[in-house]
PDB file of N, CA and C in Angstrom:
ATOM      1  N   MET A   1     -35.478-116.868  53.348  1.00  0.00           N
ATOM      2  CA  MET A   1     -36.282-117.494  54.357  1.00  0.00           C
ATOM      3  C   MET A   1     -35.930-118.957  54.699  1.00  0.00           C
ATOM      4  N   PHE A   2     -35.801-119.374  55.844  1.00  0.00           N
ATOM      5  CA  PHE A   2     -35.603-120.823  56.118  1.00  0.00           C
ATOM      6  C   PHE A   2     -36.869-121.433  56.217  1.00  0.00           C
ATOM      7  N   SER A   3     -37.012-122.764  55.526  1.00  0.00           N
ATOM      8  CA  SER A   3     -38.089-123.426  55.374  1.00  0.00           C
ATOM      9  C   SER A   3     -37.688-124.897  55.875  1.00  0.00           C
ATOM     10  N   MET A   4     -38.737-125.582  56.616  1.00  0.00           N
ATOM     11  CA  MET A   4     -38.475-126.836  57.137  1.00  0.00           C
ATOM     12  C   MET A   4     -38.414-127.848  55.902  1.00  0.00           C
ATOM     13  N   GLU A   5     -39.345-127.392  54.809  1.00  0.00           N
ATOM     14  CA  GLU A   5     -39.269-128.271  53.644  1.00  0.00           C
ATOM     15  C   GLU A   5     -37.949-128.384  53.065  1.00  0.00           C
ATOM     16  N   THR A   6     -37.328-127.302  52.913  1.00  0.00           N
ATOM     17  CA  THR A   6     -36.031-127.217  52.313  1.00  0.00           C
ATOM     18  C   THR A   6     -34.981-127.903  52.923  1.00  0.00           C
ATOM     19  N   SER A   7     -35.007-128.070  54.186  1.00  0.00           N
ATOM     20  CA  SER A   7     -33.959-128.528  55.084  1.00  0.00           C
ATOM     21  C   SER A   7     -34.123-129.939  55.349  1.00  0.00           C
ATOM     22  N   LYS A   8     -35.075-130.620  54.860  1.00  0.00           N
ATOM     23  CA  LYS A   8     -35.286-131.916  55.002  1.00  0.00           C
ATOM     24  C   LYS A   8     -34.319-132.760  53.776  1.00  0.00           C
ATOM     25  N   LYS A   9     -33.719-133.621  54.366  1.00  0.00           N
ATOM     26  CA  LYS A   9     -32.931-134.548  53.501  1.00  0.00           C
ATOM     27  C   LYS A   9     -33.672-135.758  53.091  1.00  0.00           C
ATOM     28  N   THR A  10     -33.351-136.174  51.800  1.00  0.00           N
ATOM     29  CA  THR A  10     -34.334-137.211  51.047  1.00  0.00           C
ATOM     30  C   THR A  10     -33.233-138.500  51.377  1.00  0.00           C
ATOM     31  N   ALA A  11     -33.871-139.631  51.904  1.00  0.00           N
ATOM     32  CA  ALA A  11     -32.886-140.910  52.061  1.00  0.00           C
ATOM     33  C   ALA A  11     -32.840-141.478  50.770  1.00  0.00           C
ATOM     34  N   GLN A  12     -31.593-142.137  50.785  1.00  0.00           N
ATOM     35  CA  GLN A  12     -31.090-142.624  49.585  1.00  0.00           C
ATOM     36  C   GLN A  12     -31.126-144.222  49.907  1.00  0.00           C
ATOM     37  N   VAL A  13     -30.243-144.809  48.940  1.00  0.00           N
ATOM     38  CA  VAL A  13     -30.203-146.412  49.113  1.00  0.00           C
ATOM     39  C   VAL A  13     -28.938-146.489  49.934  1.00  0.00           C
ATOM     40  N   CYS A  14     -28.804-147.380  50.856  1.00  0.00           N
ATOM     41  CA  CYS A  14     -27.556-147.776  51.799  1.00  0.00           C
ATOM     42  C   CYS A  14     -26.558-147.955  50.657  1.00  0.00           C
ATOM     43  N   ILE A  15     -25.237-147.274  50.955  1.00  0.00           N
ATOM     44  CA  ILE A  15     -24.239-147.644  50.185  1.00  0.00           C
ATOM     45  C   ILE A  15     -23.148-148.508  50.873  1.00  0.00           C
ATOM     46  N   ARG A  16     -23.462-149.269  51.978  1.00  0.00           N
ATOM     47  CA  ARG A  16     -22.481-150.063  52.670  1.00  0.00           C
ATOM     48  C   ARG A  16     -21.410-149.600  53.132  1.00  0.00           C
ATOM     49  N   CYS A  17     -21.307-148.141  53.541  1.00  0.00           N
ATOM     50  CA  CYS A  17     -20.013-147.582  54.067  1.00  0.00           C
ATOM     51  C   CYS A  17     -19.512-148.014  55.437  1.00  0.00           C
ATOM     52  N   ALA A  18     -20.472-148.474  56.253  1.00  0.00           N
ATOM     53  CA  ALA A  18     -20.057-148.942  57.380  1.00  0.00           C
ATOM     54  C   ALA A  18     -19.908-147.624  58.567  1.00  0.00           C
ATOM     55  N   ARG A  19     -20.228-146.689  58.183  1.00  0.00           N
ATOM     56  CA  ARG A  19     -19.981-145.439  59.103  1.00  0.00           C
ATOM     57  C   ARG A  19     -20.926-145.584  60.254  1.00  0.00           C
ATOM     58  N   CYS A  20     -22.187-146.057  60.172  1.00  0.00           N
ATOM     59  CA  CYS A  20     -22.996-146.286  61.212  1.00  0.00           C
ATOM     60  C   CYS A  20     -22.398-147.182  62.074  1.00  0.00           C
ATOM     61  N   ILE A  21     -21.987-148.327  61.631  1.00  0.00           N
ATOM     62  CA  ILE A  21     -21.409-149.395  62.456  1.00  0.00           C
ATOM     63  C   ILE A  21     -20.111-148.862  63.183  1.00  0.00           C
ATOM     64  N   ASP A  22     -19.253-147.977  62.648  1.00  0.00           N
ATOM     65  CA  ASP A  22     -18.228-147.465  63.573  1.00  0.00           C
ATOM     66  C   ASP A  22     -18.575-146.562  64.286  1.00  0.00           C
ATOM     67  N   ALA A  23     -19.492-145.907  64.179  1.00  0.00           N
ATOM     68  CA  ALA A  23     -20.083-144.711  65.145  1.00  0.00           C
ATOM     69  C   ALA A  23     -20.853-145.293  66.236  1.00  0.00           C
ATOM     70  N   CYS A  24     -21.415-146.275  66.014  1.00  0.00           N
ATOM     71  CA  CYS A  24     -22.201-146.956  67.114  1.00  0.00           C
ATOM     72  C   CYS A  24     -21.507-147.519  68.542  1.00  0.00           C
ATOM     73  N   PRO A  25     -21.831-146.532  69.666  1.00  0.00           N
ATOM     74  CA  PRO A  25     -21.053-146.907  70.918  1.00  0.00           C
ATOM     75  C   PRO A  25     -21.415-148.216  71.502  1.00  0.00           C
ATOM     76  N   MET A  26     -22.407-148.909  71.072  1.00  0.00           N
ATOM     77  CA  MET A  26     -22.883-150.133  71.622  1.00  0.00           C
ATOM     78  C   MET A  26     -22.397-151.348  70.800  1.00  0.00           C
ATOM     79  N   GLY A  27     -21.849-151.020  69.611  1.00  0.00           N
ATOM     80  CA  GLY A  27     -21.284-152.047  68.831  1.00  0.00           C
ATOM     81  C   GLY A  27     -22.223-152.912  67.876  1.00  0.00           C
ATOM     82  N   LEU A  28     -23.420-151.922  67.726  1.00  0.00           N
ATOM     83  CA  LEU A  28     -24.368-152.825  66.880  1.00  0.00           C
ATOM     84  C   LEU A  28     -24.282-152.429  65.246  1.00  0.00           C
ATOM     85  N   ASN A  29     -24.753-153.264  64.606  1.00  0.00           N
ATOM     86  CA  ASN A  29     -24.691-153.195  63.138  1.00  0.00           C
ATOM     87  C   ASN A  29     -26.037-152.907  62.688  1.00  0.00           C
ATOM     88  N   PRO A  30     -26.145-151.457  62.373  1.00  0.00           N
ATOM     89  CA  PRO A  30     -27.459-151.181  61.900  1.00  0.00           C
ATOM     90  C   PRO A  30     -27.829-151.409  60.646  1.00  0.00           C
ATOM     91  N   VAL A  31     -26.908-151.769  59.911  1.00  0.00           N
ATOM     92  CA  VAL A  31     -26.954-151.883  58.330  1.00  0.00           C
ATOM     93  C   VAL A  31     -27.831-153.607  58.525  1.00  0.00           C
ATOM     94  N   ASN A  32     -27.268-154.428  59.166  1.00  0.00           N
ATOM     95  CA  ASN A  32     -27.807-155.831  59.202  1.00  0.00           C
ATOM     96  C   ASN A  32     -29.219-155.472  59.793  1.00  0.00           C
ATOM     97  N   ILE A  33     -29.478-154.797  60.872  1.00  0.00           N
ATOM     98  CA  ILE A  33     -30.838-154.779  61.471  1.00  0.00           C
ATOM     99  C   ILE A  33     -31.729-154.128  60.402  1.00  0.00           C
ATOM    100  N   MET A  34     -31.344-152.974  59.415  1.00  0.00           N
ATOM    101  CA  MET A  34     -32.039-152.599  58.581  1.00  0.00           C
ATOM    102  C   MET A  34     -32.541-153.523  57.466  1.00  0.00           C
ATOM    103  N   THR A  35     -31.562-154.452  57.146  1.00  0.00           N
ATOM    104  CA  THR A  35     -31.763-155.411  56.048  1.00  0.00           C
ATOM    105  C   THR A  35     -32.669-156.562  56.639  1.00  0.00           C
ATOM    106  N   THR A  36     -32.404-156.946  57.822  1.00  0.00           N
ATOM    107  CA  THR A  36     -33.365-157.882  58.336  1.00  0.00           C
ATOM    108  C   THR A  36     -34.844-157.429  58.492  1.00  0.00           C
ATOM    109  N   MET A  37     -34.805-156.185  59.042  1.00  0.00           N
ATOM    110  CA  MET A  37     -36.242-155.585  59.101  1.00  0.00           C
ATOM    111  C   MET A  37     -36.845-155.442  57.795  1.00  0.00           C
ATOM    112  N   LYS A  38     -36.137-155.247  56.760  1.00  0.00           N
ATOM    113  CA  LYS A  38     -36.889-155.328  55.419  1.00  0.00           C
ATOM    114  C   LYS A  38     -37.371-156.379  54.864  1.00  0.00           C
ATOM    115  N   THR A  39     -36.789-157.541  55.328  1.00  0.00           N
ATOM    116  CA  THR A  39     -37.383-158.845  54.788  1.00  0.00           C
ATOM    117  C   THR A  39     -38.779-159.189  55.446  1.00  0.00           C
ATOM    118  N   MET A  40     -39.558-159.413  54.461  1.00  0.00           N
ATOM    119  CA  MET A  40     -40.926-160.012  55.011  1.00  0.00           C
ATOM    120  C   MET A  40     -41.072-161.417  54.925  1.00  0.00           C
ATOM    121  N   PRO A  41     -41.810-162.061  55.755  1.00  0.00           N
ATOM    122  CA  PRO A  41     -41.916-161.493  57.024  1.00  0.00           C
ATOM    123  C   PRO A  41     -40.610-161.512  57.899  1.00  0.00           C
ATOM    124  N   VAL A  42     -40.702-160.604  58.878  1.00  0.00           N
ATOM    125  CA  VAL A  42     -39.405-160.341  59.601  1.00  0.00           C
ATOM    126  C   VAL A  42     -39.218-161.610  60.434  1.00  0.00           C
ATOM    127  N   ASP A  43     -37.725-161.807  60.429  1.00  0.00           N
ATOM    128  CA  ASP A  43     -37.611-162.975  61.278  1.00  0.00           C
ATOM    129  C   ASP A  43     -37.096-162.673  62.765  1.00  0.00           C
ATOM    130  N   LYS A  44     -38.098-162.870  63.528  1.00  0.00           N
ATOM    131  CA  LYS A  44     -37.819-162.294  65.019  1.00  0.00           C
ATOM    132  C   LYS A  44     -36.699-162.882  65.429  1.00  0.00           C
ATOM    133  N   ALA A  45     -36.309-164.208  65.209  1.00  0.00           N
ATOM    134  CA  ALA A  45     -35.191-164.684  65.857  1.00  0.00           C
ATOM    135  C   ALA A  45     -33.819-164.095  65.500  1.00  0.00           C
ATOM    136  N   LYS A  46     -33.920-163.721  64.080  1.00  0.00           N
ATOM    137  CA  LYS A  46     -32.616-163.024  63.652  1.00  0.00           C
ATOM    138  C   LYS A  46     -32.377-161.591  64.406  1.00  0.00           C
ATOM    139  N   ILE A  47     -33.580-161.104  64.326  1.00  0.00           N
ATOM    140  CA  ILE A  47     -33.493-159.816  65.006  1.00  0.00           C
ATOM    141  C   ILE A  47     -32.990-159.646  66.424  1.00  0.00           C
ATOM    142  N   LYS A  48     -33.487-160.667  67.074  1.00  0.00           N
ATOM    143  CA  LYS A  48     -33.073-160.744  68.687  1.00  0.00           C
ATOM    144  C   LYS A  48     -31.534-161.052  68.653  1.00  0.00           C
ATOM    145  N   LEU A  49     -31.144-161.865  67.773  1.00  0.00           N
ATOM    146  CA  LEU A  49     -29.530-162.191  67.656  1.00  0.00           C
ATOM    147  C   LEU A  49     -28.868-160.824  67.223  1.00  0.00           C
ATOM    148  N   LEU A  50     -29.456-159.970  66.607  1.00  0.00           N
ATOM    149  CA  LEU A  50     -28.788-158.741  66.375  1.00  0.00           C
ATOM    150  C   LEU A  50     -28.746-157.610  67.416  1.00  0.00           C
ATOM    151  N   ASN A  51     -29.614-158.086  68.545  1.00  0.00           N
ATOM    152  CA  ASN A  51     -29.426-157.418  69.815  1.00  0.00           C
ATOM    153  C   ASN A  51     -29.929-155.713  69.659  1.00  0.00           C
ATOM    154  N   PRO A  52     -30.949-155.493  68.896  1.00  0.00           N
ATOM    155  CA  PRO A  52     -31.315-154.008  68.823  1.00  0.00           C
ATOM    156  C   PRO A  52     -31.658-153.242  70.298  1.00  0.00           C
ATOM    157  N   CYS A  53     -32.031-154.209  71.261  1.00  0.00           N
ATOM    158  CA  CYS A  53     -32.366-153.654  72.337  1.00  0.00           C
ATOM    159  C   CYS A  53     -31.206-152.852  73.226  1.00  0.00           C
ATOM    160  N   ALA A  54     -29.959-153.332  72.675  1.00  0.00           N
ATOM    161  CA  ALA A  54     -28.866-152.764  73.464  1.00  0.00           C
ATOM    162  C   ALA A  54     -28.615-151.232  73.101  1.00  0.00           C
ATOM    163  N   CYS A  55     -29.616-150.826  71.817  1.00  0.00           N
ATOM    164  CA  CYS A  55     -29.445-149.520  71.529  1.00  0.00           C
ATOM    165  C   CYS A  55     -29.634-148.307  72.517  1.00  0.00           C
ATOM    166  N   ASP A  56     -28.784-147.519  72.811  1.00  0.00           N
ATOM    167  CA  ASP A  56     -29.251-146.438  73.689  1.00  0.00           C
ATOM    168  C   ASP A  56     -29.798-145.263  72.947  1.00  0.00           C
ATOM    169  N   GLU A  57     -30.087-145.320  71.782  1.00  0.00           N
ATOM    170  CA  GLU A  57     -30.944-144.278  70.774  1.00  0.00           C
ATOM    171  C   GLU A  57     -30.029-143.000  71.042  1.00  0.00           C
ATOM    172  N   CYS A  58     -28.721-142.983  70.722  1.00  0.00           N
ATOM    173  CA  CYS A  58     -28.004-141.616  70.777  1.00  0.00           C
ATOM    174  C   CYS A  58     -27.983-141.168  69.459  1.00  0.00           C
ATOM    175  N   ASP A  59     -28.487-141.670  68.506  1.00  0.00           N
ATOM    176  CA  ASP A  59     -28.651-141.044  67.130  1.00  0.00           C
ATOM    177  C   ASP A  59     -27.335-140.918  66.251  1.00  0.00           C
ATOM    178  N   LYS A  60     -26.254-141.337  66.713  1.00  0.00           N
ATOM    179  CA  LYS A  60     -24.951-141.374  66.101  1.00  0.00           C
ATOM    180  C   LYS A  60     -25.126-142.013  64.607  1.00  0.00           C
ATOM    181  N   CYS A  61     -25.860-143.110  64.500  1.00  0.00           N
ATOM    182  CA  CYS A  61     -25.892-143.701  63.209  1.00  0.00           C
ATOM    183  C   CYS A  61     -26.496-142.793  62.246  1.00  0.00           C
ATOM    184  N   ASN A  62     -27.571-142.173  62.608  1.00  0.00           N
ATOM    185  CA  ASN A  62     -28.354-141.030  61.577  1.00  0.00           C
ATOM    186  C   ASN A  62     -27.235-140.001  61.154  1.00  0.00           C
ATOM    187  N   SER A  63     -26.443-139.412  62.364  1.00  0.00           N
ATOM    188  CA  SER A  63     -25.733-138.327  62.134  1.00  0.00           C
ATOM    189  C   SER A  63     -24.520-138.628  61.043  1.00  0.00           C
ATOM    190  N   VAL A  64     -24.064-139.902  60.789  1.00  0.00           N
ATOM    191  CA  VAL A  64     -22.916-140.057  60.046  1.00  0.00           C
ATOM    192  C   VAL A  64     -23.458-140.797  58.641  1.00  0.00           C
ATOM    193  N   CYS A  65     -24.661-141.099  58.585  1.00  0.00           N
ATOM    194  CA  CYS A  65     -25.086-141.729  57.379  1.00  0.00           C
ATOM    195  C   CYS A  65     -25.045-140.855  56.118  1.00  0.00           C
ATOM    196  N   PRO A  66     -24.107-141.184  55.180  1.00  0.00           N
ATOM    197  CA  PRO A  66     -24.352-140.235  53.982  1.00  0.00           C
ATOM    198  C   PRO A  66     -25.300-140.436  53.168  1.00  0.00           C
ATOM    199  N   SER A  67     -26.213-141.595  53.080  1.00  0.00           N
ATOM    200  CA  SER A  67     -27.310-141.750  52.455  1.00  0.00           C
ATOM    201  C   SER A  67     -28.555-141.132  53.087  1.00  0.00           C
ATOM    202  N   ASN A  68     -28.395-140.631  54.223  1.00  0.00           N
ATOM    203  CA  ASN A  68     -29.568-139.953  55.050  1.00  0.00           C
ATOM    204  C   ASN A  68     -30.560-141.042  55.521  1.00  0.00           C
ATOM    205  N   ILE A  69     -30.404-142.107  55.825  1.00  0.00           N
ATOM    206  CA  ILE A  69     -31.358-143.233  56.131  1.00  0.00           C
ATOM    207  C   ILE A  69     -31.564-143.045  57.805  1.00  0.00           C
ATOM    208  N   ASP A  70     -32.786-143.066  57.904  1.00  0.00           N
ATOM    209  CA  ASP A  70     -33.081-142.946  59.352  1.00  0.00           C
ATOM    210  C   ASP A  70     -32.963-144.314  60.087  1.00  0.00           C
ATOM    211  N   LEU A  71     -31.807-144.698  60.336  1.00  0.00           N
ATOM    212  CA  LEU A  71     -31.523-145.863  61.021  1.00  0.00           C
ATOM    213  C   LEU A  71     -31.979-145.895  62.359  1.00  0.00           C
ATOM    214  N   ALA A  72     -31.993-145.037  63.086  1.00  0.00           N
ATOM    215  CA  ALA A  72     -32.345-144.674  64.410  1.00  0.00           C
ATOM    216  C   ALA A  72     -33.931-145.232  64.764  1.00  0.00           C
ATOM    217  N   THR A  73     -34.662-144.880  63.849  1.00  0.00           N
ATOM    218  CA  THR A  73     -36.052-145.213  63.789  1.00  0.00           C
ATOM    219  C   THR A  73     -36.049-146.788  63.418  1.00  0.00           C
ATOM    220  N   ILE A  74     -35.310-147.224  62.532  1.00  0.00           N
ATOM    221  CA  ILE A  74     -35.467-148.677  62.183  1.00  0.00           C
ATOM    222  C   ILE A  74     -34.925-149.437  63.192  1.00  0.00           C
ATOM    223  N   VAL A  75     -33.881-149.106  64.044  1.00  0.00           N
ATOM    224  CA  VAL A  75     -33.408-149.983  65.258  1.00  0.00           C
ATOM    225  C   VAL A  75     -34.522-149.872  66.348  1.00  0.00           C
ATOM    226  N   LYS A  76     -35.274-148.612  66.514  1.00  0.00           N
ATOM    227  CA  LYS A  76     -36.257-148.559  67.426  1.00  0.00           C
ATOM    228  C   LYS A  76     -37.572-149.655  67.037  1.00  0.00           C
ATOM    229  N   ARG A  77     -37.780-149.556  65.869  1.00  0.00           N
ATOM    230  CA  ARG A  77     -38.875-150.597  65.429  1.00  0.00           C
ATOM    231  C   ARG A  77     -38.301-152.147  65.687  1.00  0.00           C
ATOM    232  N   ALA A  78     -36.877-152.202  65.418  1.00  0.00           N
ATOM    233  CA  ALA A  78     -36.552-153.509  65.850  1.00  0.00           C
ATOM    234  C   ALA A  78     -36.323-153.993  67.322  1.00  0.00           C
ATOM    235  N   LYS A  79     -36.289-152.840  68.192  1.00  0.00           N
ATOM    236  CA  LYS A  79     -36.444-153.261  69.405  1.00  0.00           C
ATOM    237  C   LYS A  79     -37.961-153.619  69.892  1.00  0.00           C
ATOM    238  N   ILE A  80     -38.723-153.258  69.247  1.00  0.00           N
ATOM    239  CA  ILE A  80     -40.095-153.831  69.354  1.00  0.00           C
ATOM    240  C   ILE A  80     -40.240-155.036  68.844  1.00  0.00           C
ATOM    241  N   VAL A  81     -39.638-155.329  68.018  1.00  0.00           N
ATOM    242  CA  VAL A  81     -39.849-156.727  67.355  1.00  0.00           C
ATOM    243  C   VAL A  81     -39.110-157.582  68.295  1.00  0.00           C
ATOM    244  N   ALA A  82     -38.108-157.251  68.711  1.00  0.00           N
ATOM    245  CA  ALA A  82     -37.097-158.171  69.443  1.00  0.00           C
ATOM    246  C   ALA A  82     -37.763-158.407  70.791  1.00  0.00           C
ATOM    247  N   LYS A  83     -38.773-157.787  71.326  1.00  0.00           N
ATOM    248  CA  LYS A  83     -39.469-157.837  72.454  1.00  0.00           C
ATOM    249  C   LYS A  83     -40.679-158.855  72.361  1.00  0.00           C
ATOM    250  N   LEU A  84     -40.949-159.090  71.143  1.00  0.00           N
ATOM    251  CA  LEU A  84     -42.376-159.844  70.966  1.00  0.00           C
ATOM    252  C   LEU A  84     -42.004-161.366  71.385  1.00  0.00           C
ATOM    253  N   PRO A  85     -43.071-162.004  71.711  1.00  0.00           N
ATOM    254  CA  PRO A  85     -42.849-163.351  72.202  1.00  0.00           C
ATOM    255  C   PRO A  85     -42.447-164.272  71.165  1.00  0.00           C
TER     256      PRO A  85
END
């Protein structure tokens, strides 16, 4: 029997393989965006420089990540931060 619980993958630590960077059609660096978003307080100026608003939300970063990190959600959150005054 198929269960949604057994199909979920657990996120691991980023291994810095750069597959997400290679897969991004917009030329973004999801690893740098993730690292910047984890730093508290979040550096809005640095987030803006990383240009998360260019993300077209194709989800390719998630599909290639061997660590199962939800990079697309992190980049979406970074887009919100980048739009703050």
